[in-house]
Amino acid sequence: LSQISASLLTVRSGVTNARVLPKVFSV
């Protein structure tokens, strides 16, 4: 991430836990 210009997050319905998203956005 630190070497690229932009990021797009893929979230899988029913699999990705919403509790991890704040950590992902922070990174």
mmCIF file of all heavy atoms, coordinates in Angstrom:
data_MODEL
# 
_entry.id   MODEL 
# 
loop_
_atom_site.group_PDB 
_atom_site.id 
_atom_site.type_symbol 
_atom_site.label_atom_id 
_atom_site.label_alt_id 
_atom_site.label_comp_id 
_atom_site.label_asym_id 
_atom_site.label_entity_id 
_atom_site.label_seq_id 
_atom_site.pdbx_PDB_ins_code 
_atom_site.Cartn_x 
_atom_site.Cartn_y 
_atom_site.Cartn_z 
_atom_site.occupancy 
_atom_site.B_iso_or_equiv 
_atom_site.pdbx_formal_charge 
_atom_site.auth_seq_id 
_atom_site.auth_comp_id 
_atom_site.auth_asym_id 
_atom_site.auth_atom_id 
_atom_site.pdbx_PDB_model_num 
ATOM 1   N N   . LEU A 1 1  ? 0.819   -1.220  0.000  1.00 0.00 ? 1  LEU A N   1 
ATOM 2   C CA  . LEU A 1 1  ? 0.000   0.000   0.000  1.00 0.00 ? 1  LEU A CA  1 
ATOM 3   C C   . LEU A 1 1  ? 0.848   1.263   0.000  1.00 0.00 ? 1  LEU A C   1 
ATOM 4   O O   . LEU A 1 1  ? 0.494   2.247   -0.642 1.00 0.00 ? 1  LEU A O   1 
ATOM 5   C CB  . LEU A 1 1  ? -0.923  0.024   1.217  1.00 0.00 ? 1  LEU A CB  1 
ATOM 6   C CG  . LEU A 1 1  ? -2.248  -0.681  1.097  1.00 0.00 ? 1  LEU A CG  1 
ATOM 7   C CD1 . LEU A 1 1  ? -2.971  -0.666  2.442  1.00 0.00 ? 1  LEU A CD1 1 
ATOM 8   C CD2 . LEU A 1 1  ? -3.117  -0.086  0.023  1.00 0.00 ? 1  LEU A CD2 1 
ATOM 9   N N   . SER A 1 2  ? 1.949   1.239   0.724  1.00 0.00 ? 2  SER A N   1 
ATOM 10  C CA  . SER A 1 2  ? 2.783   2.437   0.822  1.00 0.00 ? 2  SER A CA  1 
ATOM 11  C C   . SER A 1 2  ? 3.482   2.765   -0.496 1.00 0.00 ? 2  SER A C   1 
ATOM 12  O O   . SER A 1 2  ? 4.039   3.848   -0.635 1.00 0.00 ? 2  SER A O   1 
ATOM 13  C CB  . SER A 1 2  ? 3.812   2.266   1.937  1.00 0.00 ? 2  SER A CB  1 
ATOM 14  O OG  . SER A 1 2  ? 4.717   1.228   1.612  1.00 0.00 ? 2  SER A OG  1 
ATOM 15  N N   . GLN A 1 3  ? 3.451   1.843   -1.454 1.00 0.00 ? 3  GLN A N   1 
ATOM 16  C CA  . GLN A 1 3  ? 4.157   2.047   -2.716 1.00 0.00 ? 3  GLN A CA  1 
ATOM 17  C C   . GLN A 1 3  ? 3.230   2.316   -3.900 1.00 0.00 ? 3  GLN A C   1 
ATOM 18  O O   . GLN A 1 3  ? 3.694   2.620   -4.990 1.00 0.00 ? 3  GLN A O   1 
ATOM 19  C CB  . GLN A 1 3  ? 5.004   0.809   -3.031 1.00 0.00 ? 3  GLN A CB  1 
ATOM 20  C CG  . GLN A 1 3  ? 6.027   0.509   -1.961 1.00 0.00 ? 3  GLN A CG  1 
ATOM 21  C CD  . GLN A 1 3  ? 6.821   -0.718  -2.326 1.00 0.00 ? 3  GLN A CD  1 
ATOM 22  O OE1 . GLN A 1 3  ? 7.518   -0.736  -3.327 1.00 0.00 ? 3  GLN A OE1 1 
ATOM 23  N NE2 . GLN A 1 3  ? 6.701   -1.750  -1.518 1.00 0.00 ? 3  GLN A NE2 1 
ATOM 24  N N   . ILE A 1 4  ? 1.930   2.204   -3.707 1.00 0.00 ? 4  ILE A N   1 
ATOM 25  C CA  . ILE A 1 4  ? 0.988   2.391   -4.818 1.00 0.00 ? 4  ILE A CA  1 
ATOM 26  C C   . ILE A 1 4  ? 0.206   3.681   -4.626 1.00 0.00 ? 4  ILE A C   1 
ATOM 27  O O   . ILE A 1 4  ? 0.209   4.262   -3.536 1.00 0.00 ? 4  ILE A O   1 
ATOM 28  C CB  . ILE A 1 4  ? 0.044   1.182   -4.971 1.00 0.00 ? 4  ILE A CB  1 
ATOM 29  C CG1 . ILE A 1 4  ? -0.772  0.948   -3.712 1.00 0.00 ? 4  ILE A CG1 1 
ATOM 30  C CG2 . ILE A 1 4  ? 0.843   -0.067  -5.335 1.00 0.00 ? 4  ILE A CG2 1 
ATOM 31  C CD1 . ILE A 1 4  ? -1.792  -0.170  -3.823 1.00 0.00 ? 4  ILE A CD1 1 
ATOM 32  N N   . SER A 1 5  ? -0.482  4.120   -5.660 1.00 0.00 ? 5  SER A N   1 
ATOM 33  C CA  . SER A 1 5  ? -1.137  5.424   -5.593 1.00 0.00 ? 5  SER A CA  1 
ATOM 34  C C   . SER A 1 5  ? -2.559  5.388   -5.059 1.00 0.00 ? 5  SER A C   1 
ATOM 35  O O   . SER A 1 5  ? -3.050  6.377   -4.538 1.00 0.00 ? 5  SER A O   1 
ATOM 36  C CB  . SER A 1 5  ? -1.116  6.088   -6.966 1.00 0.00 ? 5  SER A CB  1 
ATOM 37  O OG  . SER A 1 5  ? -1.728  5.259   -7.920 1.00 0.00 ? 5  SER A OG  1 
ATOM 38  N N   . ALA A 1 6  ? -3.255  4.244   -5.175 1.00 0.00 ? 6  ALA A N   1 
ATOM 39  C CA  . ALA A 1 6  ? -4.640  4.187   -4.728 1.00 0.00 ? 6  ALA A CA  1 
ATOM 40  C C   . ALA A 1 6  ? -5.010  2.758   -4.338 1.00 0.00 ? 6  ALA A C   1 
ATOM 41  O O   . ALA A 1 6  ? -4.371  1.809   -4.778 1.00 0.00 ? 6  ALA A O   1 
ATOM 42  C CB  . ALA A 1 6  ? -5.580  4.686   -5.822 1.00 0.00 ? 6  ALA A CB  1 
ATOM 43  N N   . SER A 1 7  ? -6.046  2.651   -3.523 1.00 0.00 ? 7  SER A N   1 
ATOM 44  C CA  . SER A 1 7  ? -6.493  1.325   -3.085 1.00 0.00 ? 7  SER A CA  1 
ATOM 45  C C   . SER A 1 7  ? -8.005  1.216   -3.178 1.00 0.00 ? 7  SER A C   1 
ATOM 46  O O   . SER A 1 7  ? -8.732  2.196   -3.033 1.00 0.00 ? 7  SER A O   1 
ATOM 47  C CB  . SER A 1 7  ? -6.025  1.045   -1.654 1.00 0.00 ? 7  SER A CB  1 
ATOM 48  O OG  . SER A 1 7  ? -6.557  1.993   -0.766 1.00 0.00 ? 7  SER A OG  1 
ATOM 49  N N   . LEU A 1 8  ? -8.437  -0.007  -3.414 1.00 0.00 ? 8  LEU A N   1 
ATOM 50  C CA  . LEU A 1 8  ? -9.851  -0.334  -3.516 1.00 0.00 ? 8  LEU A CA  1 
ATOM 51  C C   . LEU A 1 8  ? -10.070 -1.575  -2.660 1.00 0.00 ? 8  LEU A C   1 
ATOM 52  O O   . LEU A 1 8  ? -9.411  -2.592  -2.858 1.00 0.00 ? 8  LEU A O   1 
ATOM 53  C CB  . LEU A 1 8  ? -10.213 -0.622  -4.981 1.00 0.00 ? 8  LEU A CB  1 
ATOM 54  C CG  . LEU A 1 8  ? -11.637 -1.009  -5.303 1.00 0.00 ? 8  LEU A CG  1 
ATOM 55  C CD1 . LEU A 1 8  ? -12.577 0.167   -5.025 1.00 0.00 ? 8  LEU A CD1 1 
ATOM 56  C CD2 . LEU A 1 8  ? -11.748 -1.413  -6.771 1.00 0.00 ? 8  LEU A CD2 1 
ATOM 57  N N   . LEU A 1 9  ? -10.954 -1.496  -1.707 1.00 0.00 ? 9  LEU A N   1 
ATOM 58  C CA  . LEU A 1 9  ? -11.199 -2.582  -0.768 1.00 0.00 ? 9  LEU A CA  1 
ATOM 59  C C   . LEU A 1 9  ? -12.329 -3.469  -1.277 1.00 0.00 ? 9  LEU A C   1 
ATOM 60  O O   . LEU A 1 9  ? -13.375 -2.976  -1.683 1.00 0.00 ? 9  LEU A O   1 
ATOM 61  C CB  . LEU A 1 9  ? -11.576 -1.998  0.602  1.00 0.00 ? 9  LEU A CB  1 
ATOM 62  C CG  . LEU A 1 9  ? -11.959 -2.970  1.693  1.00 0.00 ? 9  LEU A CG  1 
ATOM 63  C CD1 . LEU A 1 9  ? -10.766 -3.853  2.082  1.00 0.00 ? 9  LEU A CD1 1 
ATOM 64  C CD2 . LEU A 1 9  ? -12.471 -2.215  2.912  1.00 0.00 ? 9  LEU A CD2 1 
ATOM 65  N N   . THR A 1 10 ? -12.107 -4.775  -1.251 1.00 0.00 ? 10 THR A N   1 
ATOM 66  C CA  . THR A 1 10 ? -13.153 -5.734  -1.606 1.00 0.00 ? 10 THR A CA  1 
ATOM 67  C C   . THR A 1 10 ? -13.643 -6.403  -0.332 1.00 0.00 ? 10 THR A C   1 
ATOM 68  O O   . THR A 1 10 ? -12.845 -6.911  0.452  1.00 0.00 ? 10 THR A O   1 
ATOM 69  C CB  . THR A 1 10 ? -12.629 -6.803  -2.582 1.00 0.00 ? 10 THR A CB  1 
ATOM 70  O OG1 . THR A 1 10 ? -12.130 -6.146  -3.744 1.00 0.00 ? 10 THR A OG1 1 
ATOM 71  C CG2 . THR A 1 10 ? -13.732 -7.755  -2.976 1.00 0.00 ? 10 THR A CG2 1 
ATOM 72  N N   . VAL A 1 11 ? -14.944 -6.377  -0.121 1.00 0.00 ? 11 VAL A N   1 
ATOM 73  C CA  . VAL A 1 11 ? -15.567 -6.954  1.070  1.00 0.00 ? 11 VAL A CA  1 
ATOM 74  C C   . VAL A 1 11 ? -16.530 -8.038  0.610  1.00 0.00 ? 11 VAL A C   1 
ATOM 75  O O   . VAL A 1 11 ? -17.369 -7.797  -0.260 1.00 0.00 ? 11 VAL A O   1 
ATOM 76  C CB  . VAL A 1 11 ? -16.335 -5.866  1.866  1.00 0.00 ? 11 VAL A CB  1 
ATOM 77  C CG1 . VAL A 1 11 ? -17.067 -6.466  3.035  1.00 0.00 ? 11 VAL A CG1 1 
ATOM 78  C CG2 . VAL A 1 11 ? -15.382 -4.773  2.318  1.00 0.00 ? 11 VAL A CG2 1 
ATOM 79  N N   . ARG A 1 12 ? -16.393 -9.212  1.173  1.00 0.00 ? 12 ARG A N   1 
ATOM 80  C CA  . ARG A 1 12 ? -17.265 -10.326 0.789  1.00 0.00 ? 12 ARG A CA  1 
ATOM 81  C C   . ARG A 1 12 ? -18.445 -10.410 1.740  1.00 0.00 ? 12 ARG A C   1 
ATOM 82  O O   . ARG A 1 12 ? -18.278 -10.584 2.948  1.00 0.00 ? 12 ARG A O   1 
ATOM 83  C CB  . ARG A 1 12 ? -16.483 -11.633 0.804  1.00 0.00 ? 12 ARG A CB  1 
ATOM 84  C CG  . ARG A 1 12 ? -17.266 -12.777 0.232  1.00 0.00 ? 12 ARG A CG  1 
ATOM 85  C CD  . ARG A 1 12 ? -16.376 -13.965 0.046  1.00 0.00 ? 12 ARG A CD  1 
ATOM 86  N NE  . ARG A 1 12 ? -17.142 -15.080 -0.474 1.00 0.00 ? 12 ARG A NE  1 
ATOM 87  C CZ  . ARG A 1 12 ? -16.693 -16.308 -0.524 1.00 0.00 ? 12 ARG A CZ  1 
ATOM 88  N NH1 . ARG A 1 12 ? -15.474 -16.582 -0.123 1.00 0.00 ? 12 ARG A NH1 1 
ATOM 89  N NH2 . ARG A 1 12 ? -17.454 -17.262 -0.993 1.00 0.00 ? 12 ARG A NH2 1 
ATOM 90  N N   . SER A 1 13 ? -19.630 -10.286 1.192  1.00 0.00 ? 13 SER A N   1 
ATOM 91  C CA  . SER A 1 13 ? -20.855 -10.318 1.979  1.00 0.00 ? 13 SER A CA  1 
ATOM 92  C C   . SER A 1 13 ? -20.973 -11.635 2.747  1.00 0.00 ? 13 SER A C   1 
ATOM 93  O O   . SER A 1 13 ? -20.783 -12.715 2.192  1.00 0.00 ? 13 SER A O   1 
ATOM 94  C CB  . SER A 1 13 ? -22.061 -10.153 1.053  1.00 0.00 ? 13 SER A CB  1 
ATOM 95  O OG  . SER A 1 13 ? -23.261 -10.221 1.774  1.00 0.00 ? 13 SER A OG  1 
ATOM 96  N N   . GLY A 1 14 ? -21.268 -11.522 4.024  1.00 0.00 ? 14 GLY A N   1 
ATOM 97  C CA  . GLY A 1 14 ? -21.453 -12.697 4.858  1.00 0.00 ? 14 GLY A CA  1 
ATOM 98  C C   . GLY A 1 14 ? -20.162 -13.338 5.337  1.00 0.00 ? 14 GLY A C   1 
ATOM 99  O O   . GLY A 1 14 ? -20.192 -14.294 6.105  1.00 0.00 ? 14 GLY A O   1 
ATOM 100 N N   . VAL A 1 15 ? -19.019 -12.821 4.889  1.00 0.00 ? 15 VAL A N   1 
ATOM 101 C CA  . VAL A 1 15 ? -17.722 -13.390 5.288  1.00 0.00 ? 15 VAL A CA  1 
ATOM 102 C C   . VAL A 1 15 ? -16.877 -12.358 6.031  1.00 0.00 ? 15 VAL A C   1 
ATOM 103 O O   . VAL A 1 15 ? -16.345 -12.633 7.100  1.00 0.00 ? 15 VAL A O   1 
ATOM 104 C CB  . VAL A 1 15 ? -16.952 -13.933 4.064  1.00 0.00 ? 15 VAL A CB  1 
ATOM 105 C CG1 . VAL A 1 15 ? -15.570 -14.412 4.458  1.00 0.00 ? 15 VAL A CG1 1 
ATOM 106 C CG2 . VAL A 1 15 ? -17.738 -15.044 3.385  1.00 0.00 ? 15 VAL A CG2 1 
ATOM 107 N N   . THR A 1 16 ? -16.747 -11.168 5.452  1.00 0.00 ? 16 THR A N   1 
ATOM 108 C CA  . THR A 1 16 ? -15.950 -10.123 6.083  1.00 0.00 ? 16 THR A CA  1 
ATOM 109 C C   . THR A 1 16 ? -16.666 -9.627  7.335  1.00 0.00 ? 16 THR A C   1 
ATOM 110 O O   . THR A 1 16 ? -17.821 -9.223  7.285  1.00 0.00 ? 16 THR A O   1 
ATOM 111 C CB  . THR A 1 16 ? -15.716 -8.948  5.114  1.00 0.00 ? 16 THR A CB  1 
ATOM 112 O OG1 . THR A 1 16 ? -15.103 -9.443  3.931  1.00 0.00 ? 16 THR A OG1 1 
ATOM 113 C CG2 . THR A 1 16 ? -14.838 -7.893  5.753  1.00 0.00 ? 16 THR A CG2 1 
ATOM 114 N N   . ASN A 1 17 ? -15.963 -9.663  8.435  1.00 0.00 ? 17 ASN A N   1 
ATOM 115 C CA  . ASN A 1 17 ? -16.519 -9.224  9.707  1.00 0.00 ? 17 ASN A CA  1 
ATOM 116 C C   . ASN A 1 17 ? -16.410 -7.705  9.800  1.00 0.00 ? 17 ASN A C   1 
ATOM 117 O O   . ASN A 1 17 ? -15.325 -7.141  9.634  1.00 0.00 ? 17 ASN A O   1 
ATOM 118 C CB  . ASN A 1 17 ? -15.745 -9.886  10.859 1.00 0.00 ? 17 ASN A CB  1 
ATOM 119 C CG  . ASN A 1 17 ? -16.401 -9.674  12.192 1.00 0.00 ? 17 ASN A CG  1 
ATOM 120 O OD1 . ASN A 1 17 ? -16.883 -8.596  12.492 1.00 0.00 ? 17 ASN A OD1 1 
ATOM 121 N ND2 . ASN A 1 17 ? -16.400 -10.713 12.995 1.00 0.00 ? 17 ASN A ND2 1 
ATOM 122 N N   . ALA A 1 18 ? -17.513 -7.039  10.072 1.00 0.00 ? 18 ALA A N   1 
ATOM 123 C CA  . ALA A 1 18 ? -17.540 -5.577  10.145 1.00 0.00 ? 18 ALA A CA  1 
ATOM 124 C C   . ALA A 1 18 ? -16.607 -5.032  11.223 1.00 0.00 ? 18 ALA A C   1 
ATOM 125 O O   . ALA A 1 18 ? -16.136 -3.898  11.116 1.00 0.00 ? 18 ALA A O   1 
ATOM 126 C CB  . ALA A 1 18 ? -18.964 -5.090  10.394 1.00 0.00 ? 18 ALA A CB  1 
ATOM 127 N N   . ARG A 1 19 ? -16.293 -5.842  12.219 1.00 0.00 ? 19 ARG A N   1 
ATOM 128 C CA  . ARG A 1 19 ? -15.410 -5.367  13.297 1.00 0.00 ? 19 ARG A CA  1 
ATOM 129 C C   . ARG A 1 19 ? -13.977 -5.143  12.830 1.00 0.00 ? 19 ARG A C   1 
ATOM 130 O O   . ARG A 1 19 ? -13.239 -4.410  13.462 1.00 0.00 ? 19 ARG A O   1 
ATOM 131 C CB  . ARG A 1 19 ? -15.421 -6.345  14.465 1.00 0.00 ? 19 ARG A CB  1 
ATOM 132 C CG  . ARG A 1 19 ? -16.752 -6.324  15.219 1.00 0.00 ? 19 ARG A CG  1 
ATOM 133 C CD  . ARG A 1 19 ? -16.719 -7.266  16.372 1.00 0.00 ? 19 ARG A CD  1 
ATOM 134 N NE  . ARG A 1 19 ? -16.711 -8.629  15.798 1.00 0.00 ? 19 ARG A NE  1 
ATOM 135 C CZ  . ARG A 1 19 ? -16.705 -9.734  16.501 1.00 0.00 ? 19 ARG A CZ  1 
ATOM 136 N NH1 . ARG A 1 19 ? -16.682 -9.678  17.808 1.00 0.00 ? 19 ARG A NH1 1 
ATOM 137 N NH2 . ARG A 1 19 ? -16.715 -10.907 15.911 1.00 0.00 ? 19 ARG A NH2 1 
ATOM 138 N N   . VAL A 1 20 ? -13.557 -5.769  11.714 1.00 0.00 ? 20 VAL A N   1 
ATOM 139 C CA  . VAL A 1 20 ? -12.190 -5.588  11.226 1.00 0.00 ? 20 VAL A CA  1 
ATOM 140 C C   . VAL A 1 20 ? -12.056 -4.347  10.344 1.00 0.00 ? 20 VAL A C   1 
ATOM 141 O O   . VAL A 1 20 ? -10.940 -3.884  10.100 1.00 0.00 ? 20 VAL A O   1 
ATOM 142 C CB  . VAL A 1 20 ? -11.660 -6.827  10.459 1.00 0.00 ? 20 VAL A CB  1 
ATOM 143 C CG1 . VAL A 1 20 ? -11.715 -8.061  11.305 1.00 0.00 ? 20 VAL A CG1 1 
ATOM 144 C CG2 . VAL A 1 20 ? -12.370 -7.011  9.148  1.00 0.00 ? 20 VAL A CG2 1 
ATOM 145 N N   . LEU A 1 21 ? -13.153 -3.801  9.883  1.00 0.00 ? 21 LEU A N   1 
ATOM 146 C CA  . LEU A 1 21 ? -13.093 -2.680  8.944  1.00 0.00 ? 21 LEU A CA  1 
ATOM 147 C C   . LEU A 1 21 ? -12.423 -1.435  9.518  1.00 0.00 ? 21 LEU A C   1 
ATOM 148 O O   . LEU A 1 21 ? -11.639 -0.794  8.805  1.00 0.00 ? 21 LEU A O   1 
ATOM 149 C CB  . LEU A 1 21 ? -14.475 -2.371  8.389  1.00 0.00 ? 21 LEU A CB  1 
ATOM 150 C CG  . LEU A 1 21 ? -15.062 -3.480  7.501  1.00 0.00 ? 21 LEU A CG  1 
ATOM 151 C CD1 . LEU A 1 21 ? -16.443 -3.096  7.009  1.00 0.00 ? 21 LEU A CD1 1 
ATOM 152 C CD2 . LEU A 1 21 ? -14.147 -3.813  6.340  1.00 0.00 ? 21 LEU A CD2 1 
ATOM 153 N N   . PRO A 1 22 ? -12.658 -1.043  10.769 1.00 0.00 ? 22 PRO A N   1 
ATOM 154 C CA  . PRO A 1 22 ? -11.919 0.117   11.290 1.00 0.00 ? 22 PRO A CA  1 
ATOM 155 C C   . PRO A 1 22 ? -10.399 -0.076  11.242 1.00 0.00 ? 22 PRO A C   1 
ATOM 156 O O   . PRO A 1 22 ? -9.661  0.853   10.914 1.00 0.00 ? 22 PRO A O   1 
ATOM 157 C CB  . PRO A 1 22 ? -12.423 0.244   12.729 1.00 0.00 ? 22 PRO A CB  1 
ATOM 158 C CG  . PRO A 1 22 ? -13.786 -0.355  12.690 1.00 0.00 ? 22 PRO A CG  1 
ATOM 159 C CD  . PRO A 1 22 ? -13.682 -1.491  11.712 1.00 0.00 ? 22 PRO A CD  1 
ATOM 160 N N   . LYS A 1 23 ? -9.933  -1.274  11.525 1.00 0.00 ? 23 LYS A N   1 
ATOM 161 C CA  . LYS A 1 23 ? -8.495  -1.573  11.453 1.00 0.00 ? 23 LYS A CA  1 
ATOM 162 C C   . LYS A 1 23 ? -8.009  -1.456  10.009 1.00 0.00 ? 23 LYS A C   1 
ATOM 163 O O   . LYS A 1 23 ? -6.955  -0.880  9.736  1.00 0.00 ? 23 LYS A O   1 
ATOM 164 C CB  . LYS A 1 23 ? -8.240  -2.979  12.004 1.00 0.00 ? 23 LYS A CB  1 
ATOM 165 C CG  . LYS A 1 23 ? -6.868  -3.537  11.752 1.00 0.00 ? 23 LYS A CG  1 
ATOM 166 C CD  . LYS A 1 23 ? -5.816  -2.873  12.586 1.00 0.00 ? 23 LYS A CD  1 
ATOM 167 C CE  . LYS A 1 23 ? -4.495  -3.633  12.418 1.00 0.00 ? 23 LYS A CE  1 
ATOM 168 N NZ  . LYS A 1 23 ? -3.357  -2.823  12.667 1.00 0.00 ? 23 LYS A NZ  1 
ATOM 169 N N   . VAL A 1 24 ? -8.782  -1.988  9.079  1.00 0.00 ? 24 VAL A N   1 
ATOM 170 C CA  . VAL A 1 24 ? -8.419  -1.913  7.657  1.00 0.00 ? 24 VAL A CA  1 
ATOM 171 C C   . VAL A 1 24 ? -8.324  -0.458  7.217  1.00 0.00 ? 24 VAL A C   1 
ATOM 172 O O   . VAL A 1 24 ? -7.348  -0.047  6.584  1.00 0.00 ? 24 VAL A O   1 
ATOM 173 C CB  . VAL A 1 24 ? -9.442  -2.684  6.788  1.00 0.00 ? 24 VAL A CB  1 
ATOM 174 C CG1 . VAL A 1 24 ? -9.250  -2.387  5.319  1.00 0.00 ? 24 VAL A CG1 1 
ATOM 175 C CG2 . VAL A 1 24 ? -9.353  -4.170  7.064  1.00 0.00 ? 24 VAL A CG2 1 
ATOM 176 N N   . PHE A 1 25 ? -9.326  0.341   7.542  1.00 0.00 ? 25 PHE A N   1 
ATOM 177 C CA  . PHE A 1 25 ? -9.320  1.747   7.147  1.00 0.00 ? 25 PHE A CA  1 
ATOM 178 C C   . PHE A 1 25 ? -8.160  2.502   7.791  1.00 0.00 ? 25 PHE A C   1 
ATOM 179 O O   . PHE A 1 25 ? -7.573  3.392   7.186  1.00 0.00 ? 25 PHE A O   1 
ATOM 180 C CB  . PHE A 1 25 ? -10.653 2.419   7.479  1.00 0.00 ? 25 PHE A CB  1 
ATOM 181 C CG  . PHE A 1 25 ? -11.794 1.919   6.631  1.00 0.00 ? 25 PHE A CG  1 
ATOM 182 C CD1 . PHE A 1 25 ? -12.960 1.469   7.203  1.00 0.00 ? 25 PHE A CD1 1 
ATOM 183 C CD2 . PHE A 1 25 ? -11.694 1.884   5.247  1.00 0.00 ? 25 PHE A CD2 1 
ATOM 184 C CE1 . PHE A 1 25 ? -14.008 1.005   6.427  1.00 0.00 ? 25 PHE A CE1 1 
ATOM 185 C CE2 . PHE A 1 25 ? -12.734 1.417   4.456  1.00 0.00 ? 25 PHE A CE2 1 
ATOM 186 C CZ  . PHE A 1 25 ? -13.896 0.982   5.050  1.00 0.00 ? 25 PHE A CZ  1 
ATOM 187 N N   . SER A 1 26 ? -7.807  2.138   9.007  1.00 0.00 ? 26 SER A N   1 
ATOM 188 C CA  . SER A 1 26 ? -6.675  2.759   9.685  1.00 0.00 ? 26 SER A CA  1 
ATOM 189 C C   . SER A 1 26 ? -5.362  2.458   8.959  1.00 0.00 ? 26 SER A C   1 
ATOM 190 O O   . SER A 1 26 ? -4.528  3.342   8.763  1.00 0.00 ? 26 SER A O   1 
ATOM 191 C CB  . SER A 1 26 ? -6.602  2.258   11.133 1.00 0.00 ? 26 SER A CB  1 
ATOM 192 O OG  . SER A 1 26 ? -5.448  2.745   11.766 1.00 0.00 ? 26 SER A OG  1 
ATOM 193 N N   . VAL A 1 27 ? -5.174  1.219   8.551  1.00 0.00 ? 27 VAL A N   1 
ATOM 194 C CA  . VAL A 1 27 ? -3.960  0.838   7.813  1.00 0.00 ? 27 VAL A CA  1 
ATOM 195 C C   . VAL A 1 27 ? -3.885  1.571   6.481  1.00 0.00 ? 27 VAL A C   1 
ATOM 196 O O   . VAL A 1 27 ? -2.827  2.084   6.099  1.00 0.00 ? 27 VAL A O   1 
ATOM 197 C CB  . VAL A 1 27 ? -3.891  -0.692  7.607  1.00 0.00 ? 27 VAL A CB  1 
ATOM 198 C CG1 . VAL A 1 27 ? -2.753  -1.076  6.671  1.00 0.00 ? 27 VAL A CG1 1 
ATOM 199 C CG2 . VAL A 1 27 ? -3.757  -1.417  8.937  1.00 0.00 ? 27 VAL A CG2 1 
# 
